Amino acid sequence: MAGKFMKVSCKDCGAEVVIFSRATSRIACSVCGSTLTSPSGGKAQLVGCRPLEAIE
């Protein structure tokens, strides 16, 4: 199954960021620099963000 893009919101500053659901590296917020996701071998683990919507 292929990954999808997701729009997420940073828990610290509220900025909205588009990420890939199967990211293989750490993703940081472009506004405040906090960690949004960490790699987990498959799907990216959402750490400092909450999902808003899946983008087709």
N, C-alpha and C. Protein backbone atom coordinates (compact mmCIF):
# COMPACT_ATOMS: atom_id res chain seq x y z
N MET A 1 0.84 -1.17 0.00
CA MET A 1 0.00 0.00 0.00
C MET A 1 0.89 1.24 0.00
N ALA A 2 0.53 2.19 -0.80
CA ALA A 2 1.31 3.42 -0.92
C ALA A 2 0.96 4.39 0.19
N GLY A 3 1.91 5.28 0.49
CA GLY A 3 1.68 6.30 1.50
C GLY A 3 0.85 7.44 0.93
N LYS A 4 0.38 8.29 1.80
CA LYS A 4 -0.42 9.45 1.40
C LYS A 4 0.16 10.69 2.05
N PHE A 5 -0.20 11.82 1.51
CA PHE A 5 0.17 13.07 2.15
C PHE A 5 -0.91 13.42 3.16
N MET A 6 -0.49 14.03 4.26
CA MET A 6 -1.42 14.40 5.33
C MET A 6 -1.17 15.83 5.74
N LYS A 7 -2.23 16.54 6.07
CA LYS A 7 -2.09 17.87 6.65
C LYS A 7 -2.20 17.69 8.16
N VAL A 8 -1.18 18.18 8.89
CA VAL A 8 -1.16 18.06 10.34
C VAL A 8 -0.99 19.44 10.96
N SER A 9 -1.33 19.54 12.22
CA SER A 9 -1.21 20.78 12.97
C SER A 9 -0.22 20.58 14.10
N CYS A 10 0.74 21.49 14.23
CA CYS A 10 1.74 21.43 15.29
C CYS A 10 1.06 21.69 16.64
N LYS A 11 1.37 20.86 17.63
CA LYS A 11 0.77 21.01 18.97
C LYS A 11 1.30 22.24 19.70
N ASP A 12 2.53 22.67 19.38
CA ASP A 12 3.14 23.79 20.08
C ASP A 12 2.68 25.15 19.55
N CYS A 13 2.72 25.34 18.22
CA CYS A 13 2.42 26.66 17.68
C CYS A 13 1.16 26.72 16.82
N GLY A 14 0.60 25.57 16.45
CA GLY A 14 -0.64 25.55 15.67
C GLY A 14 -0.45 25.67 14.17
N ALA A 15 0.79 25.70 13.70
CA ALA A 15 1.06 25.81 12.27
C ALA A 15 0.61 24.53 11.56
N GLU A 16 0.09 24.69 10.34
CA GLU A 16 -0.33 23.54 9.55
C GLU A 16 0.77 23.19 8.56
N VAL A 17 1.12 21.89 8.50
CA VAL A 17 2.22 21.40 7.68
C VAL A 17 1.73 20.17 6.92
N VAL A 18 2.14 20.04 5.66
CA VAL A 18 1.82 18.86 4.87
C VAL A 18 3.02 17.91 4.96
N ILE A 19 2.75 16.66 5.35
CA ILE A 19 3.81 15.65 5.49
C ILE A 19 3.43 14.39 4.72
N PHE A 20 4.42 13.52 4.48
CA PHE A 20 4.18 12.23 3.86
C PHE A 20 3.97 11.21 4.97
N SER A 21 2.95 10.38 4.85
CA SER A 21 2.60 9.46 5.94
C SER A 21 3.64 8.38 6.19
N ARG A 22 4.52 8.11 5.23
CA ARG A 22 5.55 7.09 5.40
C ARG A 22 6.94 7.73 5.37
N ALA A 23 7.08 8.85 6.05
CA ALA A 23 8.37 9.55 6.10
C ALA A 23 9.40 8.69 6.80
N THR A 24 10.63 8.70 6.30
CA THR A 24 11.70 7.87 6.87
C THR A 24 12.69 8.68 7.69
N SER A 25 12.41 9.95 7.89
CA SER A 25 13.29 10.78 8.71
C SER A 25 12.44 11.66 9.63
N ARG A 26 13.08 12.26 10.61
CA ARG A 26 12.39 13.15 11.54
C ARG A 26 11.93 14.38 10.79
N ILE A 27 10.70 14.82 11.05
CA ILE A 27 10.16 16.03 10.43
C ILE A 27 9.96 17.06 11.52
N ALA A 28 10.51 18.26 11.30
CA ALA A 28 10.39 19.34 12.27
C ALA A 28 9.41 20.39 11.74
N CYS A 29 8.77 21.09 12.65
CA CYS A 29 7.85 22.17 12.30
C CYS A 29 8.66 23.29 11.65
N SER A 30 8.16 23.83 10.55
CA SER A 30 8.88 24.88 9.84
C SER A 30 8.79 26.23 10.55
N VAL A 31 7.89 26.37 11.52
CA VAL A 31 7.73 27.63 12.24
C VAL A 31 8.51 27.62 13.55
N CYS A 32 8.25 26.63 14.42
CA CYS A 32 8.87 26.64 15.75
C CYS A 32 10.00 25.63 15.91
N GLY A 33 10.15 24.68 14.98
CA GLY A 33 11.25 23.72 15.03
C GLY A 33 11.00 22.49 15.88
N SER A 34 9.84 22.35 16.49
CA SER A 34 9.58 21.17 17.32
C SER A 34 9.39 19.93 16.43
N THR A 35 9.63 18.75 16.99
CA THR A 35 9.52 17.51 16.24
C THR A 35 8.06 17.15 16.02
N LEU A 36 7.69 16.95 14.76
CA LEU A 36 6.32 16.56 14.42
C LEU A 36 6.19 15.05 14.29
N THR A 37 7.13 14.42 13.61
CA THR A 37 7.08 12.97 13.40
C THR A 37 8.45 12.35 13.63
N SER A 38 8.43 11.07 13.93
CA SER A 38 9.65 10.30 14.01
C SER A 38 9.44 9.02 13.22
N PRO A 39 10.48 8.51 12.55
CA PRO A 39 10.33 7.30 11.75
C PRO A 39 10.11 6.08 12.63
N SER A 40 9.30 5.14 12.14
CA SER A 40 9.02 3.95 12.93
C SER A 40 9.12 2.67 12.10
N GLY A 41 9.73 2.75 10.93
CA GLY A 41 9.90 1.57 10.10
C GLY A 41 8.80 1.37 9.09
N GLY A 42 7.69 2.02 9.24
CA GLY A 42 6.57 1.93 8.30
C GLY A 42 5.97 3.31 8.18
N LYS A 43 4.85 3.50 8.81
CA LYS A 43 4.23 4.82 8.84
C LYS A 43 4.99 5.71 9.82
N ALA A 44 5.02 6.99 9.52
CA ALA A 44 5.67 7.94 10.43
C ALA A 44 4.82 8.04 11.71
N GLN A 45 5.49 8.05 12.84
CA GLN A 45 4.79 8.15 14.12
C GLN A 45 4.57 9.63 14.44
N LEU A 46 3.31 10.02 14.61
CA LEU A 46 2.98 11.41 14.92
C LEU A 46 3.33 11.67 16.38
N VAL A 47 4.25 12.60 16.63
CA VAL A 47 4.75 12.86 17.97
C VAL A 47 4.23 14.20 18.49
N GLY A 48 4.52 15.28 17.77
CA GLY A 48 4.17 16.61 18.24
C GLY A 48 3.13 17.28 17.39
N CYS A 49 2.25 16.49 16.77
CA CYS A 49 1.22 17.06 15.92
C CYS A 49 -0.04 16.21 15.96
N ARG A 50 -1.10 16.78 15.42
CA ARG A 50 -2.34 16.01 15.31
C ARG A 50 -2.83 16.09 13.87
N PRO A 51 -3.38 15.01 13.33
CA PRO A 51 -3.80 14.99 11.94
C PRO A 51 -5.04 15.84 11.72
N LEU A 52 -5.07 16.54 10.59
CA LEU A 52 -6.23 17.34 10.23
C LEU A 52 -7.00 16.69 9.09
N GLU A 53 -6.29 16.32 8.02
CA GLU A 53 -6.95 15.66 6.89
C GLU A 53 -5.93 14.91 6.04
N ALA A 54 -6.43 13.93 5.30
CA ALA A 54 -5.60 13.20 4.34
C ALA A 54 -5.79 13.86 2.98
N ILE A 55 -4.69 14.04 2.27
CA ILE A 55 -4.73 14.69 0.96
C ILE A 55 -4.55 13.62 -0.10
N GLU A 56 -5.48 13.52 -1.00
CA GLU A 56 -5.43 12.49 -2.05
C GLU A 56 -4.52 12.90 -3.17
